[in-house]
Amino acid sequence: MAEDDLRASDAEREQLVDALRAHAADGRLTTDELEERSAAAYSATTRGELVALRRDLPEAAPPAAPPPEVVGERIGAVLANTHQGGHWLVPERLEVKVVLGDCKLDLRQADVPPEVTIEVKVRLGDVTIYVPADARVELTGRAILGDKKVRGDTGASGGGPVIRVHADLILGDLKIDVATTGERLRNLLGRGS
């Protein structure tokens, strides 16, 4: 039996009607054409009848990537742990305050502006910032009974964003990890950590 002769399911009918609505929204079908084709889709018996209703229309475009998560200009962790990562929009100025907690910021898959200033204030806690491999990192500030450091190449010759981090640490640590080229490739290929 040919594929076109197989009976259509309700899910296949609904999927076609959704696609027809999208084509109408894009201006490929008039309202009357949408109504006619939708009625025909709901009364179709075989897959071949469904295929005929969209034969003159292009394949649906893949869904657009979701917009980045918008984060405020302040991230805090008081007696708690927090993590900000994935696809998010990094503001040009960001304040991070941690008291008796931990904070991890991952900028490797984020939308990072050309220049970012991050003010980090820690009291009895830790902050780890993961930055893209092509970022140039400038770390300033003080650490009292704590430590601040950049691990990895700071990307001084890269064309990526400039990330300025000013630290005010008391009994706390700040680590900035620069992604390696291998990590960057794995993230681009969707095999990130």
N, C-alpha and C. Protein backbone atom coordinates (compact mmCIF):
# COMPACT_ATOMS: atom_id res chain seq x y z
N MET A 1 0.85 -1.18 0.00
CA MET A 1 0.00 0.00 0.00
C MET A 1 0.89 1.24 0.00
N ALA A 2 0.56 2.21 -0.83
CA ALA A 2 1.34 3.46 -0.94
C ALA A 2 1.09 4.33 0.29
N GLU A 3 2.06 5.15 0.59
CA GLU A 3 1.97 6.07 1.74
C GLU A 3 0.73 6.96 1.64
N ASP A 4 0.45 7.47 0.43
CA ASP A 4 -0.70 8.36 0.24
C ASP A 4 -2.04 7.68 0.48
N ASP A 5 -2.06 6.33 0.41
CA ASP A 5 -3.31 5.60 0.60
C ASP A 5 -3.60 5.26 2.06
N LEU A 6 -2.60 5.48 2.93
CA LEU A 6 -2.80 5.18 4.35
C LEU A 6 -3.79 6.18 4.95
N ARG A 7 -4.53 5.73 5.93
CA ARG A 7 -5.54 6.58 6.57
C ARG A 7 -4.85 7.64 7.43
N ALA A 8 -5.38 8.83 7.39
CA ALA A 8 -4.83 9.95 8.17
C ALA A 8 -5.36 9.90 9.59
N SER A 9 -4.51 10.32 10.53
CA SER A 9 -4.92 10.37 11.94
C SER A 9 -5.43 11.77 12.29
N ASP A 10 -6.11 11.87 13.41
CA ASP A 10 -6.57 13.18 13.89
C ASP A 10 -5.40 14.12 14.15
N ALA A 11 -4.31 13.56 14.68
CA ALA A 11 -3.12 14.38 14.95
C ALA A 11 -2.54 14.94 13.65
N GLU A 12 -2.52 14.13 12.59
CA GLU A 12 -2.01 14.61 11.30
C GLU A 12 -2.91 15.71 10.74
N ARG A 13 -4.21 15.57 10.91
CA ARG A 13 -5.14 16.61 10.45
C ARG A 13 -4.89 17.92 11.21
N GLU A 14 -4.76 17.82 12.53
CA GLU A 14 -4.51 19.02 13.35
C GLU A 14 -3.18 19.68 12.98
N GLN A 15 -2.18 18.85 12.74
CA GLN A 15 -0.86 19.38 12.38
C GLN A 15 -0.94 20.16 11.06
N LEU A 16 -1.70 19.62 10.09
CA LEU A 16 -1.86 20.32 8.81
C LEU A 16 -2.63 21.63 9.00
N VAL A 17 -3.68 21.62 9.78
CA VAL A 17 -4.46 22.84 9.99
C VAL A 17 -3.59 23.90 10.69
N ASP A 18 -2.76 23.49 11.64
CA ASP A 18 -1.84 24.44 12.28
C ASP A 18 -0.88 25.04 11.26
N ALA A 19 -0.36 24.19 10.35
CA ALA A 19 0.54 24.68 9.30
C ALA A 19 -0.19 25.63 8.36
N LEU A 20 -1.43 25.32 8.02
CA LEU A 20 -2.22 26.20 7.16
C LEU A 20 -2.44 27.56 7.83
N ARG A 21 -2.69 27.55 9.13
CA ARG A 21 -2.87 28.82 9.86
C ARG A 21 -1.58 29.66 9.81
N ALA A 22 -0.45 28.99 9.95
CA ALA A 22 0.84 29.70 9.88
C ALA A 22 1.04 30.30 8.50
N HIS A 23 0.69 29.56 7.45
CA HIS A 23 0.82 30.08 6.09
C HIS A 23 -0.13 31.25 5.87
N ALA A 24 -1.31 31.19 6.44
CA ALA A 24 -2.25 32.31 6.32
C ALA A 24 -1.69 33.53 7.05
N ALA A 25 -1.10 33.32 8.21
CA ALA A 25 -0.51 34.42 8.97
C ALA A 25 0.65 35.06 8.20
N ASP A 26 1.36 34.24 7.40
CA ASP A 26 2.47 34.76 6.58
C ASP A 26 1.98 35.38 5.28
N GLY A 27 0.66 35.30 5.00
CA GLY A 27 0.11 35.92 3.81
C GLY A 27 0.08 35.02 2.58
N ARG A 28 0.36 33.74 2.74
CA ARG A 28 0.33 32.81 1.61
C ARG A 28 -1.07 32.32 1.28
N LEU A 29 -1.98 32.40 2.24
CA LEU A 29 -3.36 31.98 2.03
C LEU A 29 -4.30 33.10 2.47
N THR A 30 -5.38 33.25 1.74
CA THR A 30 -6.42 34.20 2.17
C THR A 30 -7.25 33.53 3.26
N THR A 31 -8.10 34.31 3.90
CA THR A 31 -8.98 33.76 4.93
C THR A 31 -9.91 32.71 4.34
N ASP A 32 -10.43 32.98 3.13
CA ASP A 32 -11.33 32.01 2.48
C ASP A 32 -10.59 30.71 2.16
N GLU A 33 -9.35 30.83 1.66
CA GLU A 33 -8.57 29.62 1.35
C GLU A 33 -8.27 28.82 2.61
N LEU A 34 -7.96 29.54 3.69
CA LEU A 34 -7.70 28.85 4.96
C LEU A 34 -8.94 28.08 5.41
N GLU A 35 -10.11 28.70 5.34
CA GLU A 35 -11.34 28.02 5.75
C GLU A 35 -11.61 26.80 4.89
N GLU A 36 -11.46 26.94 3.56
CA GLU A 36 -11.71 25.83 2.64
C GLU A 36 -10.75 24.66 2.91
N ARG A 37 -9.47 24.99 3.02
CA ARG A 37 -8.48 23.93 3.21
C ARG A 37 -8.62 23.29 4.59
N SER A 38 -8.95 24.07 5.59
CA SER A 38 -9.13 23.51 6.93
C SER A 38 -10.31 22.55 6.94
N ALA A 39 -11.42 22.93 6.31
CA ALA A 39 -12.58 22.03 6.24
C ALA A 39 -12.23 20.75 5.50
N ALA A 40 -11.46 20.90 4.41
CA ALA A 40 -11.05 19.72 3.64
C ALA A 40 -10.12 18.83 4.47
N ALA A 41 -9.24 19.46 5.27
CA ALA A 41 -8.31 18.68 6.11
C ALA A 41 -9.08 17.86 7.14
N TYR A 42 -10.08 18.49 7.78
CA TYR A 42 -10.84 17.78 8.80
C TYR A 42 -11.69 16.65 8.21
N SER A 43 -12.05 16.76 6.93
CA SER A 43 -12.84 15.69 6.31
C SER A 43 -11.98 14.70 5.54
N ALA A 44 -10.66 14.92 5.47
CA ALA A 44 -9.76 14.02 4.72
C ALA A 44 -9.72 12.64 5.38
N THR A 45 -9.66 11.63 4.53
CA THR A 45 -9.59 10.26 5.01
C THR A 45 -8.16 9.71 4.92
N THR A 46 -7.43 10.10 3.85
CA THR A 46 -6.09 9.53 3.64
C THR A 46 -5.01 10.60 3.75
N ARG A 47 -3.78 10.12 3.92
CA ARG A 47 -2.64 11.04 3.97
C ARG A 47 -2.46 11.75 2.63
N GLY A 48 -2.78 11.09 1.54
CA GLY A 48 -2.66 11.70 0.22
C GLY A 48 -3.55 12.93 0.09
N GLU A 49 -4.74 12.87 0.67
CA GLU A 49 -5.64 14.03 0.64
C GLU A 49 -5.04 15.20 1.42
N LEU A 50 -4.37 14.89 2.53
CA LEU A 50 -3.72 15.94 3.32
C LEU A 50 -2.55 16.55 2.55
N VAL A 51 -1.76 15.70 1.89
CA VAL A 51 -0.61 16.19 1.13
C VAL A 51 -1.07 17.13 0.02
N ALA A 52 -2.19 16.79 -0.64
CA ALA A 52 -2.69 17.62 -1.74
C ALA A 52 -3.07 19.02 -1.26
N LEU A 53 -3.48 19.17 -0.02
CA LEU A 53 -3.91 20.47 0.50
C LEU A 53 -2.74 21.43 0.75
N ARG A 54 -1.54 20.92 0.80
CA ARG A 54 -0.39 21.79 1.06
C ARG A 54 0.66 21.69 -0.04
N ARG A 55 0.30 21.05 -1.14
CA ARG A 55 1.25 20.81 -2.23
C ARG A 55 1.84 22.11 -2.76
N ASP A 56 1.08 23.20 -2.83
CA ASP A 56 1.56 24.45 -3.39
C ASP A 56 2.17 25.39 -2.33
N LEU A 57 2.39 24.88 -1.13
CA LEU A 57 2.95 25.69 -0.05
C LEU A 57 4.34 25.18 0.34
N PRO A 58 5.24 26.09 0.70
CA PRO A 58 6.58 25.65 1.13
C PRO A 58 6.50 24.92 2.47
N GLU A 59 7.53 24.14 2.74
CA GLU A 59 7.62 23.49 4.06
C GLU A 59 7.67 24.58 5.12
N ALA A 60 7.10 24.29 6.24
CA ALA A 60 7.10 25.27 7.34
C ALA A 60 8.53 25.53 7.80
N ALA A 61 8.81 26.77 8.08
CA ALA A 61 10.13 27.13 8.58
C ALA A 61 10.30 26.55 9.98
N PRO A 62 11.53 26.16 10.33
CA PRO A 62 11.73 25.66 11.68
C PRO A 62 11.40 26.75 12.69
N PRO A 63 10.92 26.36 13.86
CA PRO A 63 10.58 27.37 14.86
C PRO A 63 11.80 28.21 15.22
N ALA A 64 11.56 29.48 15.42
CA ALA A 64 12.64 30.39 15.78
C ALA A 64 13.18 30.04 17.16
N ALA A 65 14.46 30.31 17.36
CA ALA A 65 15.06 30.07 18.67
C ALA A 65 14.37 30.96 19.69
N PRO A 66 14.18 30.46 20.88
CA PRO A 66 13.52 31.30 21.89
C PRO A 66 14.40 32.51 22.20
N PRO A 67 13.78 33.63 22.53
CA PRO A 67 14.58 34.80 22.86
C PRO A 67 15.37 34.55 24.15
N PRO A 68 16.47 35.26 24.31
CA PRO A 68 17.25 35.05 25.53
C PRO A 68 16.48 35.50 26.77
N GLU A 69 16.77 34.84 27.87
CA GLU A 69 16.15 35.22 29.14
C GLU A 69 16.70 36.58 29.54
N VAL A 70 15.83 37.46 29.95
CA VAL A 70 16.24 38.80 30.38
C VAL A 70 16.43 38.78 31.89
N VAL A 71 17.60 39.19 32.31
CA VAL A 71 17.96 39.19 33.72
C VAL A 71 18.14 40.63 34.16
N GLY A 72 17.75 40.94 35.37
CA GLY A 72 17.93 42.28 35.90
C GLY A 72 19.40 42.62 36.08
N GLU A 73 19.65 43.80 36.59
CA GLU A 73 21.02 44.25 36.77
C GLU A 73 21.62 43.79 38.09
N ARG A 74 20.85 43.04 38.88
CA ARG A 74 21.35 42.54 40.17
C ARG A 74 21.04 41.06 40.32
N ILE A 75 22.04 40.33 40.80
CA ILE A 75 21.86 38.92 41.13
C ILE A 75 22.37 38.75 42.55
N GLY A 76 21.58 38.12 43.39
CA GLY A 76 21.97 37.98 44.79
C GLY A 76 21.75 36.58 45.31
N ALA A 77 22.55 36.24 46.30
CA ALA A 77 22.39 34.97 47.01
C ALA A 77 22.70 35.23 48.48
N VAL A 78 21.67 35.21 49.30
CA VAL A 78 21.83 35.39 50.74
C VAL A 78 21.37 34.11 51.40
N LEU A 79 22.29 33.45 52.09
CA LEU A 79 22.01 32.15 52.70
C LEU A 79 21.45 31.18 51.66
N ALA A 80 21.98 31.25 50.43
CA ALA A 80 21.47 30.42 49.35
C ALA A 80 22.51 30.28 48.25
N ASN A 81 22.19 29.44 47.29
CA ASN A 81 23.01 29.27 46.11
C ASN A 81 22.18 29.68 44.90
N THR A 82 22.83 30.30 43.93
CA THR A 82 22.12 30.69 42.71
C THR A 82 23.00 30.39 41.51
N HIS A 83 22.33 30.14 40.38
CA HIS A 83 23.03 29.85 39.13
C HIS A 83 22.31 30.57 38.01
N GLN A 84 23.06 31.28 37.18
CA GLN A 84 22.49 31.92 35.99
C GLN A 84 23.30 31.44 34.80
N GLY A 85 22.65 30.75 33.88
CA GLY A 85 23.36 30.22 32.72
C GLY A 85 22.42 29.99 31.57
N GLY A 86 22.93 29.33 30.54
CA GLY A 86 22.13 29.08 29.36
C GLY A 86 22.09 30.31 28.47
N HIS A 87 20.99 30.46 27.73
CA HIS A 87 20.84 31.58 26.81
C HIS A 87 20.15 32.74 27.54
N TRP A 88 20.94 33.72 27.92
CA TRP A 88 20.39 34.87 28.62
C TRP A 88 21.08 36.13 28.15
N LEU A 89 20.43 37.26 28.37
CA LEU A 89 20.94 38.55 27.95
C LEU A 89 21.68 39.20 29.11
N VAL A 90 22.97 39.37 28.94
CA VAL A 90 23.80 39.96 30.00
C VAL A 90 23.71 41.48 29.89
N PRO A 91 23.35 42.17 30.98
CA PRO A 91 23.31 43.64 30.92
C PRO A 91 24.74 44.20 30.88
N GLU A 92 24.88 45.44 30.44
CA GLU A 92 26.21 46.06 30.38
C GLU A 92 26.81 46.25 31.75
N ARG A 93 25.98 46.37 32.76
CA ARG A 93 26.45 46.51 34.16
C ARG A 93 25.65 45.55 35.01
N LEU A 94 26.37 44.74 35.77
CA LEU A 94 25.73 43.71 36.59
C LEU A 94 26.34 43.73 37.98
N GLU A 95 25.48 43.71 39.01
CA GLU A 95 25.92 43.64 40.39
C GLU A 95 25.62 42.25 40.92
N VAL A 96 26.62 41.64 41.54
CA VAL A 96 26.44 40.32 42.14
C VAL A 96 26.79 40.45 43.62
N LYS A 97 25.81 40.12 44.48
CA LYS A 97 26.05 40.19 45.93
C LYS A 97 25.75 38.83 46.53
N VAL A 98 26.73 38.33 47.30
CA VAL A 98 26.59 37.01 47.92
C VAL A 98 26.97 37.13 49.40
N VAL A 99 26.06 36.62 50.25
CA VAL A 99 26.32 36.56 51.68
C VAL A 99 25.99 35.15 52.13
N LEU A 100 26.98 34.45 52.65
CA LEU A 100 26.79 33.07 53.10
C LEU A 100 26.12 32.21 52.03
N GLY A 101 26.66 32.27 50.83
CA GLY A 101 26.10 31.49 49.73
C GLY A 101 27.09 31.38 48.58
N ASP A 102 26.60 30.81 47.49
CA ASP A 102 27.41 30.63 46.29
C ASP A 102 26.62 31.13 45.09
N CYS A 103 27.35 31.64 44.10
CA CYS A 103 26.73 32.11 42.87
C CYS A 103 27.59 31.67 41.70
N LYS A 104 26.95 31.09 40.69
CA LYS A 104 27.65 30.72 39.46
C LYS A 104 26.99 31.47 38.31
N LEU A 105 27.80 32.19 37.54
CA LEU A 105 27.34 32.90 36.35
C LEU A 105 28.02 32.27 35.15
N ASP A 106 27.25 31.83 34.18
CA ASP A 106 27.81 31.21 32.99
C ASP A 106 27.48 32.10 31.80
N LEU A 107 28.49 32.75 31.25
CA LEU A 107 28.33 33.66 30.12
C LEU A 107 28.63 32.99 28.79
N ARG A 108 28.98 31.70 28.81
CA ARG A 108 29.44 31.04 27.58
C ARG A 108 28.38 30.91 26.51
N GLN A 109 27.11 30.80 26.87
CA GLN A 109 26.05 30.70 25.87
C GLN A 109 25.15 31.92 25.90
N ALA A 110 25.55 32.92 26.63
CA ALA A 110 24.74 34.14 26.80
C ALA A 110 25.00 35.13 25.68
N ASP A 111 24.07 36.08 25.51
CA ASP A 111 24.28 37.21 24.62
C ASP A 111 25.01 38.27 25.44
N VAL A 112 26.30 38.45 25.14
CA VAL A 112 27.15 39.34 25.92
C VAL A 112 27.45 40.58 25.09
N PRO A 113 27.19 41.79 25.62
CA PRO A 113 27.52 43.01 24.88
C PRO A 113 29.04 43.16 24.74
N PRO A 114 29.51 44.06 23.88
CA PRO A 114 30.95 44.21 23.67
C PRO A 114 31.74 44.53 24.93
N GLU A 115 31.12 45.26 25.87
CA GLU A 115 31.78 45.58 27.14
C GLU A 115 30.81 45.36 28.28
N VAL A 116 31.29 44.66 29.31
CA VAL A 116 30.47 44.35 30.48
C VAL A 116 31.27 44.68 31.74
N THR A 117 30.59 45.29 32.70
CA THR A 117 31.20 45.53 34.01
C THR A 117 30.40 44.75 35.04
N ILE A 118 31.10 43.90 35.79
CA ILE A 118 30.45 43.10 36.83
C ILE A 118 31.06 43.49 38.17
N GLU A 119 30.22 44.00 39.06
CA GLU A 119 30.64 44.33 40.43
C GLU A 119 30.29 43.14 41.31
N VAL A 120 31.30 42.56 41.95
CA VAL A 120 31.08 41.37 42.77
C VAL A 120 31.40 41.71 44.23
N LYS A 121 30.40 41.52 45.10
CA LYS A 121 30.58 41.76 46.54
C LYS A 121 30.24 40.45 47.24
N VAL A 122 31.22 39.91 47.97
CA VAL A 122 31.04 38.62 48.63
C VAL A 122 31.43 38.73 50.10
N ARG A 123 30.57 38.17 50.95
CA ARG A 123 30.86 38.02 52.37
C ARG A 123 30.58 36.57 52.72
N LEU A 124 31.62 35.83 53.05
CA LEU A 124 31.48 34.41 53.41
C LEU A 124 30.78 33.61 52.31
N GLY A 125 31.33 33.66 51.11
CA GLY A 125 30.73 32.91 50.01
C GLY A 125 31.68 32.79 48.84
N ASP A 126 31.17 32.24 47.76
CA ASP A 126 31.97 32.03 46.56
C ASP A 126 31.19 32.46 45.33
N VAL A 127 31.92 33.00 44.36
CA VAL A 127 31.35 33.33 43.06
C VAL A 127 32.26 32.74 42.00
N THR A 128 31.65 32.05 41.03
CA THR A 128 32.38 31.52 39.88
C THR A 128 31.72 32.09 38.64
N ILE A 129 32.55 32.66 37.76
CA ILE A 129 32.05 33.23 36.51
C ILE A 129 32.74 32.50 35.36
N TYR A 130 31.93 31.89 34.49
CA TYR A 130 32.46 31.21 33.31
C TYR A 130 32.28 32.16 32.12
N VAL A 131 33.38 32.46 31.43
CA VAL A 131 33.32 33.41 30.32
C VAL A 131 33.71 32.72 29.01
N PRO A 132 33.27 33.28 27.87
CA PRO A 132 33.62 32.68 26.58
C PRO A 132 35.13 32.70 26.34
N ALA A 133 35.60 31.80 25.49
CA ALA A 133 37.03 31.67 25.22
C ALA A 133 37.63 32.93 24.59
N ASP A 134 36.82 33.68 23.83
CA ASP A 134 37.36 34.86 23.15
C ASP A 134 37.22 36.14 23.98
N ALA A 135 36.78 36.02 25.22
CA ALA A 135 36.59 37.21 26.07
C ALA A 135 37.94 37.70 26.61
N ARG A 136 38.03 39.01 26.79
CA ARG A 136 39.19 39.59 27.47
C ARG A 136 38.72 39.96 28.87
N VAL A 137 39.38 39.43 29.88
CA VAL A 137 38.96 39.62 31.27
C VAL A 137 39.91 40.58 31.97
N GLU A 138 39.32 41.57 32.66
CA GLU A 138 40.11 42.49 33.49
C GLU A 138 39.57 42.37 34.91
N LEU A 139 40.39 41.88 35.82
CA LEU A 139 39.99 41.65 37.20
C LEU A 139 40.70 42.64 38.12
N THR A 140 39.90 43.39 38.90
CA THR A 140 40.45 44.34 39.86
C THR A 140 39.72 44.16 41.19
N GLY A 141 40.19 44.85 42.21
CA GLY A 141 39.51 44.84 43.49
C GLY A 141 40.35 44.23 44.59
N ARG A 142 39.66 43.86 45.69
CA ARG A 142 40.37 43.38 46.87
C ARG A 142 39.76 42.07 47.35
N ALA A 143 40.61 41.31 48.03
CA ALA A 143 40.17 40.07 48.66
C ALA A 143 40.80 40.02 50.04
N ILE A 144 39.97 40.07 51.09
CA ILE A 144 40.46 39.98 52.47
C ILE A 144 40.10 38.60 52.98
N LEU A 145 41.11 37.83 53.34
CA LEU A 145 40.93 36.44 53.77
C LEU A 145 40.12 35.66 52.73
N GLY A 146 40.46 35.90 51.48
CA GLY A 146 39.81 35.21 50.38
C GLY A 146 40.73 35.22 49.17
N ASP A 147 40.20 34.87 48.03
CA ASP A 147 41.04 34.76 46.84
C ASP A 147 40.24 35.19 45.61
N LYS A 148 40.93 35.83 44.68
CA LYS A 148 40.34 36.17 43.40
C LYS A 148 41.34 35.79 42.32
N LYS A 149 40.84 35.08 41.29
CA LYS A 149 41.76 34.66 40.24
C LYS A 149 41.02 34.37 38.95
N VAL A 150 41.80 34.45 37.86
CA VAL A 150 41.31 34.08 36.53
C VAL A 150 42.03 32.80 36.15
N ARG A 151 41.25 31.78 35.81
CA ARG A 151 41.83 30.51 35.36
C ARG A 151 41.68 30.41 33.85
N GLY A 152 42.78 30.16 33.17
CA GLY A 152 42.76 30.06 31.71
C GLY A 152 43.31 31.32 31.08
N ASP A 153 43.39 31.31 29.75
CA ASP A 153 43.90 32.43 28.98
C ASP A 153 42.86 33.54 28.99
N THR A 154 43.27 34.76 29.31
CA THR A 154 42.32 35.87 29.41
C THR A 154 41.88 36.39 28.06
N GLY A 155 42.33 35.79 26.97
CA GLY A 155 41.88 36.19 25.64
C GLY A 155 42.29 37.58 25.24
N ALA A 156 43.45 38.01 25.69
CA ALA A 156 43.89 39.38 25.42
C ALA A 156 43.94 39.70 23.93
N SER A 157 44.18 38.70 23.09
CA SER A 157 44.26 38.96 21.65
C SER A 157 42.94 38.65 20.94
N GLY A 158 41.95 38.17 21.67
CA GLY A 158 40.67 37.78 21.05
C GLY A 158 39.84 38.99 20.66
N GLY A 159 38.86 38.77 19.82
CA GLY A 159 37.97 39.82 19.39
C GLY A 159 36.65 39.79 20.12
N GLY A 160 36.61 39.07 21.21
CA GLY A 160 35.36 38.92 21.96
C GLY A 160 35.11 40.07 22.90
N PRO A 161 34.13 39.90 23.77
CA PRO A 161 33.76 40.98 24.68
C PRO A 161 34.84 41.27 25.73
N VAL A 162 34.82 42.50 26.22
CA VAL A 162 35.69 42.88 27.33
C VAL A 162 34.84 42.76 28.59
N ILE A 163 35.28 41.92 29.52
CA ILE A 163 34.54 41.70 30.75
C ILE A 163 35.38 42.23 31.91
N ARG A 164 34.91 43.32 32.49
CA ARG A 164 35.61 43.94 33.61
C ARG A 164 34.92 43.49 34.90
N VAL A 165 35.70 42.91 35.78
CA VAL A 165 35.14 42.42 37.04
C VAL A 165 35.87 43.14 38.17
N HIS A 166 35.08 43.81 39.02
CA HIS A 166 35.64 44.47 40.20
C HIS A 166 35.15 43.70 41.43
N ALA A 167 36.10 43.23 42.23
CA ALA A 167 35.77 42.37 43.37
C ALA A 167 35.94 43.10 44.69
N ASP A 168 35.01 42.83 45.60
CA ASP A 168 35.10 43.27 46.98
C ASP A 168 34.76 42.03 47.82
N LEU A 169 35.81 41.30 48.23
CA LEU A 169 35.64 40.01 48.88
C LEU A 169 36.15 40.04 50.31
N ILE A 170 35.32 39.57 51.22
CA ILE A 170 35.75 39.35 52.60
C ILE A 170 35.34 37.93 52.95
N LEU A 171 36.35 37.12 53.29
CA LEU A 171 36.11 35.70 53.58
C LEU A 171 35.34 35.02 52.44
N GLY A 172 35.78 35.32 51.23
CA GLY A 172 35.12 34.72 50.07
C GLY A 172 36.07 34.59 48.91
N ASP A 173 35.64 33.84 47.90
CA ASP A 173 36.46 33.59 46.72
C ASP A 173 35.72 33.99 45.45
N LEU A 174 36.50 34.44 44.47
CA LEU A 174 35.99 34.72 43.14
C LEU A 174 36.89 34.00 42.14
N LYS A 175 36.28 33.14 41.33
CA LYS A 175 37.03 32.44 40.28
C LYS A 175 36.39 32.79 38.95
N ILE A 176 37.22 33.17 38.00
CA ILE A 176 36.74 33.43 36.64
C ILE A 176 37.40 32.38 35.75
N ASP A 177 36.57 31.53 35.14
CA ASP A 177 37.06 30.46 34.26
C ASP A 177 36.85 30.88 32.81
N VAL A 178 37.94 30.93 32.08
CA VAL A 178 37.85 31.21 30.65
C VAL A 178 37.68 29.88 29.94
N ALA A 179 36.61 29.78 29.14
CA ALA A 179 36.34 28.53 28.42
C ALA A 179 37.50 28.22 27.49
N THR A 180 37.86 26.95 27.43
CA THR A 180 38.89 26.52 26.50
C THR A 180 38.30 26.41 25.11
N THR A 181 39.16 26.33 24.10
CA THR A 181 38.68 26.17 22.73
C THR A 181 37.86 24.91 22.61
N GLY A 182 38.27 23.82 23.28
CA GLY A 182 37.51 22.57 23.24
C GLY A 182 36.12 22.73 23.83
N GLU A 183 36.01 23.43 24.96
CA GLU A 183 34.69 23.68 25.56
C GLU A 183 33.83 24.51 24.62
N ARG A 184 34.44 25.50 24.00
CA ARG A 184 33.71 26.38 23.08
C ARG A 184 33.14 25.56 21.92
N LEU A 185 33.96 24.66 21.34
CA LEU A 185 33.50 23.82 20.24
C LEU A 185 32.39 22.89 20.70
N ARG A 186 32.55 22.28 21.87
CA ARG A 186 31.50 21.38 22.38
C ARG A 186 30.19 22.14 22.59
N ASN A 187 30.26 23.36 23.10
CA ASN A 187 29.05 24.16 23.30
C ASN A 187 28.39 24.50 21.96
N LEU A 188 29.20 24.86 20.97
CA LEU A 188 28.65 25.18 19.65
C LEU A 188 28.01 23.97 19.00
N LEU A 189 28.56 22.79 19.25
CA LEU A 189 28.02 21.56 18.67
C LEU A 189 26.88 20.97 19.51
N GLY A 190 26.55 21.64 20.63
CA GLY A 190 25.46 21.15 21.47
C GLY A 190 25.86 19.99 22.36
N ARG A 191 27.13 19.84 22.59
CA ARG A 191 27.59 18.75 23.47
C ARG A 191 28.27 19.30 24.70
N GLY A 192 27.83 20.48 25.11
CA GLY A 192 28.45 21.15 26.26
C GLY A 192 28.23 20.42 27.55
N SER A 193 28.96 20.85 28.57
CA SER A 193 28.90 20.21 29.88
C SER A 193 27.62 20.42 30.59
